Amino acid sequence: MTRRRTPEADLQRAVVTALRFSLPKTAIIHHCANEVTEPGPRGAKRQAILVGMGVHPGFADLMVLCDGRVLFLELKTPRGRLSPAQAGFRDAVQAQGFGWALVRTLDDALGALADHGLTTRVAKQDTAQRPARRTAP
């Protein structure tokens, strides 16, 4: 049996591994499973239950809490686009002063840490050598 290609999930696993390695041990990296992929009425019922329990449409894939800062990371494949709910979530958290970044590569994730002032256990790269990060598509 072959595994289905899951490039976004593969990226997320790589990012989580890198964040666990590079952030201080006290950092919290959290993924909120905020959608049900089960088709049909059973999946719709389960999704309704989760929404009633506080699941927020468009919530970022990862939330990083470190050094008194909060950073939300939305992971996308190179061609992936934000849904309207994800764009609304981005706008809402940025309006409240929290960090948010679009992550398409592992370098994007590590750059987002530096861009949002999170300290890491890895030697800092000179920002003049690192390309500018985009936070919106």
N, C-alpha and C. Protein backbone atom coordinates (compact mmCIF):
# COMPACT_ATOMS: atom_id res chain seq x y z
N MET A 1 0.84 -1.17 0.00
CA MET A 1 0.00 0.00 0.00
C MET A 1 0.89 1.25 0.00
N THR A 2 0.66 2.14 -0.94
CA THR A 2 1.46 3.36 -1.01
C THR A 2 0.74 4.49 -0.29
N ARG A 3 1.54 5.34 0.30
CA ARG A 3 0.99 6.49 1.03
C ARG A 3 0.64 7.60 0.05
N ARG A 4 -0.50 8.23 0.29
CA ARG A 4 -0.92 9.36 -0.52
C ARG A 4 0.04 10.51 -0.32
N ARG A 5 0.31 11.27 -1.37
CA ARG A 5 1.20 12.43 -1.25
C ARG A 5 0.52 13.49 -0.39
N THR A 6 1.24 13.96 0.59
CA THR A 6 0.71 14.99 1.48
C THR A 6 1.79 16.06 1.68
N PRO A 7 2.06 16.88 0.65
CA PRO A 7 3.17 17.83 0.76
C PRO A 7 3.00 18.83 1.89
N GLU A 8 1.78 19.30 2.17
CA GLU A 8 1.61 20.26 3.25
C GLU A 8 1.85 19.59 4.61
N ALA A 9 1.37 18.37 4.78
CA ALA A 9 1.60 17.65 6.03
C ALA A 9 3.08 17.32 6.21
N ASP A 10 3.75 16.97 5.12
CA ASP A 10 5.19 16.70 5.19
C ASP A 10 5.95 17.97 5.60
N LEU A 11 5.56 19.10 5.02
CA LEU A 11 6.19 20.38 5.39
C LEU A 11 5.93 20.67 6.86
N GLN A 12 4.71 20.44 7.31
CA GLN A 12 4.39 20.73 8.71
C GLN A 12 5.23 19.88 9.66
N ARG A 13 5.39 18.61 9.36
CA ARG A 13 6.22 17.75 10.21
C ARG A 13 7.66 18.26 10.25
N ALA A 14 8.19 18.66 9.10
CA ALA A 14 9.56 19.19 9.04
C ALA A 14 9.69 20.48 9.84
N VAL A 15 8.69 21.36 9.73
CA VAL A 15 8.72 22.64 10.45
C VAL A 15 8.65 22.39 11.95
N VAL A 16 7.76 21.52 12.38
CA VAL A 16 7.64 21.23 13.82
C VAL A 16 8.95 20.67 14.36
N THR A 17 9.56 19.77 13.64
CA THR A 17 10.85 19.21 14.07
C THR A 17 11.90 20.31 14.20
N ALA A 18 11.98 21.17 13.20
CA ALA A 18 12.96 22.26 13.24
C ALA A 18 12.68 23.24 14.37
N LEU A 19 11.41 23.56 14.60
CA LEU A 19 11.07 24.48 15.68
C LEU A 19 11.41 23.88 17.04
N ARG A 20 11.15 22.60 17.21
CA ARG A 20 11.49 21.94 18.48
C ARG A 20 12.99 21.96 18.73
N PHE A 21 13.76 21.87 17.67
CA PHE A 21 15.21 21.91 17.79
C PHE A 21 15.72 23.33 18.04
N SER A 22 15.15 24.31 17.35
CA SER A 22 15.73 25.65 17.38
C SER A 22 15.19 26.56 18.48
N LEU A 23 13.96 26.34 18.93
CA LEU A 23 13.41 27.20 19.97
C LEU A 23 13.83 26.72 21.36
N PRO A 24 13.77 27.62 22.35
CA PRO A 24 14.07 27.18 23.71
C PRO A 24 13.13 26.05 24.15
N LYS A 25 13.59 25.23 25.07
CA LYS A 25 12.79 24.10 25.55
C LYS A 25 11.46 24.54 26.15
N THR A 26 11.36 25.77 26.61
CA THR A 26 10.12 26.26 27.22
C THR A 26 9.08 26.69 26.20
N ALA A 27 9.45 26.77 24.93
CA ALA A 27 8.51 27.18 23.89
C ALA A 27 7.42 26.14 23.71
N ILE A 28 6.25 26.61 23.34
CA ILE A 28 5.12 25.74 23.05
C ILE A 28 4.81 25.85 21.56
N ILE A 29 4.76 24.71 20.90
CA ILE A 29 4.40 24.63 19.48
C ILE A 29 3.13 23.80 19.43
N HIS A 30 2.06 24.38 18.92
CA HIS A 30 0.77 23.70 18.97
C HIS A 30 0.10 23.68 17.60
N HIS A 31 -0.45 22.54 17.25
CA HIS A 31 -1.28 22.41 16.06
C HIS A 31 -2.70 22.14 16.51
N CYS A 32 -3.62 22.94 16.05
CA CYS A 32 -5.03 22.76 16.37
C CYS A 32 -5.69 22.09 15.17
N ALA A 33 -6.10 20.85 15.33
CA ALA A 33 -6.80 20.15 14.25
C ALA A 33 -8.21 20.73 14.18
N ASN A 34 -8.39 21.68 13.26
CA ASN A 34 -9.65 22.43 13.26
C ASN A 34 -10.55 22.11 12.08
N GLU A 35 -10.34 20.97 11.48
CA GLU A 35 -11.26 20.58 10.43
C GLU A 35 -11.37 19.07 10.37
N VAL A 36 -12.53 18.63 9.92
CA VAL A 36 -12.78 17.20 9.75
C VAL A 36 -12.78 16.93 8.26
N THR A 37 -12.03 15.93 7.85
CA THR A 37 -11.96 15.63 6.41
C THR A 37 -12.87 14.48 6.02
N GLU A 38 -13.65 13.99 6.97
CA GLU A 38 -14.56 12.89 6.66
C GLU A 38 -15.73 13.41 5.82
N PRO A 39 -15.96 12.82 4.68
CA PRO A 39 -17.04 13.31 3.82
C PRO A 39 -18.42 12.91 4.32
N GLY A 40 -19.41 13.58 3.79
CA GLY A 40 -20.80 13.20 4.04
C GLY A 40 -21.37 13.76 5.33
N PRO A 41 -22.57 13.30 5.68
CA PRO A 41 -23.29 13.84 6.84
C PRO A 41 -22.56 13.62 8.16
N ARG A 42 -21.85 12.49 8.29
CA ARG A 42 -21.14 12.23 9.54
C ARG A 42 -20.03 13.27 9.75
N GLY A 43 -19.27 13.57 8.67
CA GLY A 43 -18.23 14.59 8.77
C GLY A 43 -18.80 15.97 9.05
N ALA A 44 -19.92 16.31 8.40
CA ALA A 44 -20.56 17.61 8.63
C ALA A 44 -21.05 17.73 10.07
N LYS A 45 -21.59 16.64 10.61
CA LYS A 45 -22.06 16.66 12.00
C LYS A 45 -20.88 16.86 12.96
N ARG A 46 -19.79 16.15 12.69
CA ARG A 46 -18.59 16.26 13.56
C ARG A 46 -18.02 17.67 13.48
N GLN A 47 -17.99 18.26 12.27
CA GLN A 47 -17.49 19.63 12.11
C GLN A 47 -18.35 20.60 12.89
N ALA A 48 -19.66 20.44 12.85
CA ALA A 48 -20.58 21.31 13.59
C ALA A 48 -20.34 21.20 15.10
N ILE A 49 -20.08 19.99 15.55
CA ILE A 49 -19.77 19.80 16.98
C ILE A 49 -18.50 20.56 17.35
N LEU A 50 -17.46 20.44 16.51
CA LEU A 50 -16.20 21.11 16.80
C LEU A 50 -16.35 22.63 16.78
N VAL A 51 -17.10 23.16 15.84
CA VAL A 51 -17.34 24.61 15.80
C VAL A 51 -18.05 25.05 17.08
N GLY A 52 -19.01 24.27 17.54
CA GLY A 52 -19.69 24.59 18.79
C GLY A 52 -18.77 24.54 20.00
N MET A 53 -17.69 23.77 19.89
CA MET A 53 -16.73 23.66 20.98
C MET A 53 -15.63 24.71 20.89
N GLY A 54 -15.68 25.58 19.86
CA GLY A 54 -14.72 26.67 19.80
C GLY A 54 -13.74 26.62 18.65
N VAL A 55 -13.88 25.66 17.75
CA VAL A 55 -13.00 25.63 16.59
C VAL A 55 -13.26 26.88 15.76
N HIS A 56 -12.20 27.53 15.32
CA HIS A 56 -12.30 28.79 14.58
C HIS A 56 -11.93 28.55 13.13
N PRO A 57 -12.84 28.80 12.19
CA PRO A 57 -12.50 28.62 10.77
C PRO A 57 -11.31 29.49 10.38
N GLY A 58 -10.38 28.92 9.64
CA GLY A 58 -9.22 29.67 9.18
C GLY A 58 -8.07 29.74 10.16
N PHE A 59 -8.21 29.11 11.34
CA PHE A 59 -7.14 29.14 12.34
C PHE A 59 -5.86 28.62 11.72
N ALA A 60 -4.75 29.24 12.06
CA ALA A 60 -3.45 28.87 11.49
C ALA A 60 -3.07 27.43 11.82
N ASP A 61 -2.20 26.86 11.01
CA ASP A 61 -1.77 25.48 11.20
C ASP A 61 -0.97 25.29 12.47
N LEU A 62 -0.11 26.25 12.79
CA LEU A 62 0.72 26.15 13.99
C LEU A 62 0.66 27.45 14.78
N MET A 63 0.71 27.31 16.09
CA MET A 63 0.80 28.46 16.99
C MET A 63 2.05 28.25 17.84
N VAL A 64 2.89 29.28 17.88
CA VAL A 64 4.14 29.21 18.63
C VAL A 64 4.05 30.24 19.76
N LEU A 65 4.26 29.77 20.99
CA LEU A 65 4.31 30.65 22.16
C LEU A 65 5.72 30.57 22.72
N CYS A 66 6.39 31.72 22.74
CA CYS A 66 7.80 31.72 23.16
C CYS A 66 8.19 33.13 23.59
N ASP A 67 8.86 33.25 24.70
CA ASP A 67 9.38 34.54 25.18
C ASP A 67 8.31 35.60 25.28
N GLY A 68 7.11 35.22 25.68
CA GLY A 68 6.02 36.18 25.82
C GLY A 68 5.42 36.63 24.50
N ARG A 69 5.76 35.96 23.42
CA ARG A 69 5.26 36.30 22.09
C ARG A 69 4.40 35.16 21.55
N VAL A 70 3.50 35.54 20.65
CA VAL A 70 2.67 34.55 19.96
C VAL A 70 2.87 34.73 18.47
N LEU A 71 3.15 33.64 17.78
CA LEU A 71 3.34 33.67 16.34
C LEU A 71 2.50 32.55 15.73
N PHE A 72 1.66 32.91 14.77
CA PHE A 72 0.85 31.95 14.04
C PHE A 72 1.51 31.67 12.70
N LEU A 73 1.61 30.40 12.34
CA LEU A 73 2.21 30.00 11.07
C LEU A 73 1.17 29.28 10.22
N GLU A 74 0.93 29.79 9.04
CA GLU A 74 0.03 29.14 8.08
C GLU A 74 0.90 28.48 7.03
N LEU A 75 0.84 27.17 6.93
CA LEU A 75 1.67 26.42 6.00
C LEU A 75 0.92 26.16 4.70
N LYS A 76 1.60 26.41 3.60
CA LYS A 76 1.02 26.21 2.27
C LYS A 76 2.07 25.62 1.35
N THR A 77 1.62 24.86 0.38
CA THR A 77 2.49 24.37 -0.68
C THR A 77 2.87 25.56 -1.55
N PRO A 78 3.85 25.42 -2.42
CA PRO A 78 4.26 26.56 -3.26
C PRO A 78 3.11 27.20 -4.04
N ARG A 79 2.13 26.42 -4.42
CA ARG A 79 1.00 26.97 -5.18
C ARG A 79 -0.24 27.20 -4.32
N GLY A 80 -0.18 26.82 -3.06
CA GLY A 80 -1.35 26.94 -2.18
C GLY A 80 -1.74 28.39 -1.94
N ARG A 81 -3.03 28.62 -1.80
CA ARG A 81 -3.56 29.96 -1.57
C ARG A 81 -4.35 29.98 -0.27
N LEU A 82 -4.39 31.13 0.37
CA LEU A 82 -5.19 31.28 1.57
C LEU A 82 -6.68 31.27 1.21
N SER A 83 -7.46 30.61 2.04
CA SER A 83 -8.91 30.67 1.89
C SER A 83 -9.37 32.01 2.45
N PRO A 84 -10.58 32.44 2.14
CA PRO A 84 -11.10 33.68 2.75
C PRO A 84 -11.08 33.62 4.28
N ALA A 85 -11.39 32.46 4.86
CA ALA A 85 -11.38 32.33 6.32
C ALA A 85 -9.96 32.49 6.87
N GLN A 86 -8.97 31.94 6.16
CA GLN A 86 -7.58 32.06 6.60
C GLN A 86 -7.10 33.50 6.48
N ALA A 87 -7.48 34.20 5.42
CA ALA A 87 -7.11 35.61 5.28
C ALA A 87 -7.77 36.45 6.38
N GLY A 88 -9.01 36.13 6.71
CA GLY A 88 -9.70 36.84 7.79
C GLY A 88 -9.03 36.60 9.13
N PHE A 89 -8.61 35.35 9.38
CA PHE A 89 -7.90 35.03 10.62
C PHE A 89 -6.60 35.82 10.69
N ARG A 90 -5.84 35.83 9.59
CA ARG A 90 -4.58 36.59 9.53
C ARG A 90 -4.82 38.05 9.90
N ASP A 91 -5.81 38.66 9.27
CA ASP A 91 -6.10 40.07 9.51
C ASP A 91 -6.49 40.32 10.97
N ALA A 92 -7.28 39.40 11.53
CA ALA A 92 -7.74 39.57 12.92
C ALA A 92 -6.59 39.47 13.92
N VAL A 93 -5.69 38.49 13.74
CA VAL A 93 -4.60 38.35 14.71
C VAL A 93 -3.57 39.46 14.56
N GLN A 94 -3.32 39.89 13.32
CA GLN A 94 -2.38 41.00 13.13
C GLN A 94 -2.95 42.30 13.69
N ALA A 95 -4.24 42.50 13.57
CA ALA A 95 -4.87 43.71 14.14
C ALA A 95 -4.75 43.74 15.66
N GLN A 96 -4.63 42.56 16.27
CA GLN A 96 -4.47 42.48 17.73
C GLN A 96 -3.01 42.51 18.16
N GLY A 97 -2.11 42.62 17.19
CA GLY A 97 -0.69 42.74 17.52
C GLY A 97 0.07 41.43 17.58
N PHE A 98 -0.54 40.34 17.18
CA PHE A 98 0.16 39.05 17.18
C PHE A 98 0.88 38.86 15.85
N GLY A 99 1.89 38.00 15.87
CA GLY A 99 2.63 37.70 14.65
C GLY A 99 1.92 36.63 13.83
N TRP A 100 2.05 36.74 12.54
CA TRP A 100 1.47 35.77 11.60
C TRP A 100 2.41 35.68 10.41
N ALA A 101 2.63 34.48 9.90
CA ALA A 101 3.50 34.32 8.74
C ALA A 101 3.00 33.21 7.85
N LEU A 102 3.13 33.41 6.56
CA LEU A 102 2.86 32.38 5.57
C LEU A 102 4.15 31.60 5.35
N VAL A 103 4.07 30.29 5.48
CA VAL A 103 5.25 29.43 5.40
C VAL A 103 5.09 28.45 4.25
N ARG A 104 6.01 28.54 3.30
CA ARG A 104 6.02 27.61 2.16
C ARG A 104 7.23 26.69 2.19
N THR A 105 8.23 27.06 2.97
CA THR A 105 9.46 26.26 3.08
C THR A 105 9.94 26.28 4.53
N LEU A 106 10.86 25.40 4.82
CA LEU A 106 11.46 25.38 6.15
C LEU A 106 12.19 26.69 6.43
N ASP A 107 12.86 27.24 5.43
CA ASP A 107 13.54 28.53 5.59
C ASP A 107 12.56 29.64 5.93
N ASP A 108 11.36 29.60 5.34
CA ASP A 108 10.33 30.59 5.67
C ASP A 108 9.98 30.53 7.16
N ALA A 109 9.85 29.31 7.67
CA ALA A 109 9.49 29.14 9.09
C ALA A 109 10.57 29.69 10.00
N LEU A 110 11.83 29.35 9.71
CA LEU A 110 12.92 29.84 10.55
C LEU A 110 13.09 31.34 10.42
N GLY A 111 12.90 31.87 9.22
CA GLY A 111 12.95 33.31 9.01
C GLY A 111 11.84 34.03 9.76
N ALA A 112 10.67 33.43 9.83
CA ALA A 112 9.54 34.04 10.54
C ALA A 112 9.87 34.19 12.03
N LEU A 113 10.59 33.23 12.59
CA LEU A 113 10.99 33.35 14.00
C LEU A 113 11.82 34.61 14.20
N ALA A 114 12.81 34.79 13.35
CA ALA A 114 13.69 35.97 13.46
C ALA A 114 12.90 37.25 13.17
N ASP A 115 12.06 37.22 12.15
CA ASP A 115 11.30 38.41 11.78
C ASP A 115 10.36 38.87 12.89
N HIS A 116 9.93 37.94 13.74
CA HIS A 116 9.00 38.28 14.82
C HIS A 116 9.66 38.30 16.19
N GLY A 117 11.00 38.31 16.21
CA GLY A 117 11.74 38.52 17.45
C GLY A 117 11.79 37.34 18.40
N LEU A 118 11.57 36.14 17.91
CA LEU A 118 11.67 34.97 18.77
C LEU A 118 13.11 34.50 18.82
N THR A 119 13.60 34.28 20.01
CA THR A 119 14.99 33.83 20.17
C THR A 119 15.07 32.34 19.90
N THR A 120 16.19 31.95 19.31
CA THR A 120 16.40 30.54 19.01
C THR A 120 17.71 30.07 19.63
N ARG A 121 17.87 28.76 19.67
CA ARG A 121 19.10 28.16 20.17
C ARG A 121 20.11 27.97 19.05
N VAL A 122 19.76 28.39 17.85
CA VAL A 122 20.62 28.24 16.68
C VAL A 122 21.30 29.58 16.41
N ALA A 123 22.53 29.53 15.92
CA ALA A 123 23.27 30.75 15.61
C ALA A 123 22.47 31.60 14.63
N LYS A 124 22.39 32.89 14.92
CA LYS A 124 21.62 33.79 14.09
C LYS A 124 22.32 34.04 12.76
N GLN A 125 21.53 34.09 11.70
CA GLN A 125 22.03 34.38 10.37
C GLN A 125 21.94 35.89 10.16
N ASP A 126 22.92 36.46 9.48
CA ASP A 126 22.92 37.88 9.19
C ASP A 126 21.70 38.21 8.34
N THR A 127 20.85 39.14 8.80
CA THR A 127 19.61 39.47 8.09
C THR A 127 19.89 40.08 6.73
N ALA A 128 21.07 40.64 6.51
CA ALA A 128 21.40 41.19 5.20
C ALA A 128 21.59 40.08 4.17
N GLN A 129 21.96 38.88 4.64
CA GLN A 129 22.17 37.75 3.74
C GLN A 129 20.88 36.98 3.48
N ARG A 130 19.86 37.19 4.31
CA ARG A 130 18.62 36.45 4.20
C ARG A 130 17.62 37.25 3.38
N PRO A 131 16.94 36.61 2.40
CA PRO A 131 15.96 37.35 1.61
C PRO A 131 14.78 37.79 2.47
N ALA A 132 14.13 38.86 2.08
CA ALA A 132 12.97 39.37 2.82
C ALA A 132 11.86 38.34 2.81
N ARG A 133 11.12 38.26 3.90
CA ARG A 133 10.00 37.33 4.05
C ARG A 133 8.70 38.00 3.67
N ARG A 134 7.85 37.24 3.04
CA ARG A 134 6.51 37.72 2.73
C ARG A 134 5.57 37.20 3.79
N THR A 135 4.63 38.02 4.25
CA THR A 135 3.65 37.55 5.22
C THR A 135 2.28 37.40 4.61
N ALA A 136 2.11 37.80 3.39
CA ALA A 136 0.81 37.64 2.74
C ALA A 136 1.04 37.27 1.28
N PRO A 137 0.08 36.53 0.69
CA PRO A 137 0.26 36.12 -0.71
C PRO A 137 0.15 37.29 -1.66
